[in-house]
């Protein structure tokens, strides 16, 4: 089971072209994925597709681990209540936890503030053979800090550091160079923006308030940040446009329907790993001889 090439193309932000977040649907893909098929329920179809993608991910992860040549880094970015945690839970439930690690980046610690903005994420990069998932990432440093410039004051930047638009352009350049370096050394990127509408965000925040079982998910900060919804959308537009590159493109996933967003994320991840064209390593002559000796020893017991 694979996502059709048209769907992948719909989701990808073509390097050098605008992300066009305002022109992208938060509900459906341009190619009409789900709605183009003769099925009574788009939700049932999406859930079936997700299960198929998960079945593909399990052996793909095993191949990734066995070859020990590449790493896969999934970067999940989104506005509050877009479904990052649920996406990770549902999409990655079929993979071996020994080969996958999730890192959630919260407010920087004092130690992290004493280093450059990439440092805390660099420490958490996946090793070859593994899948790493960043729930938020170094991209926060061109999103939150752009919406709330006062945050920069706590970072103790040198006095000659660029400010204004120059600061963001330099950080985009740093990010692109960082990702290029990683890609050249075997790390492949799956950068995903879960695109949720303001109306859907409101609905989900109200659900957290109305359901006692979801109260733990609600934070007063979520409501405060909602006031900056348009500012964050603008910051994402700029960042995604500037950092969707041939070596690390962005995928904008319509996320108003959780079932569709999760299936699309699973499909994109399966697609990227498939492009690695992985094969089990063939043992050499000495290794074959060692395997034969081991087999004979066990049979002789």
Foldseek 3Di string as FASTA:
>chain_A
DFDDPVQQVQFWDPAPDFPPLVPAALAATPVGPLNVDPDPDSLVVLLVLLVVLLVLVAVLLVLQQQVLQAEEEEEEDEAPPLQPVVLCCSNVVSYDVVQEEEDEDDPDDLVCLQDDLQVVVVVQGHGGSHYYYYNHHSLCVLFVCQLPVVVVVSSPDDPPQDDDPVNNLVVLVVVQVVLVVRLVRHYAYAYEYNREDLVLSVVSQVVLVVDPVNVVVDDPVSVVCSVCVVVNVVSCRVNLNSNQDPRYIYTYASRSPVSRRSSVSSNSVSVRSVVVVGDRDDDDPVVVVVVVVVVVVVVVD
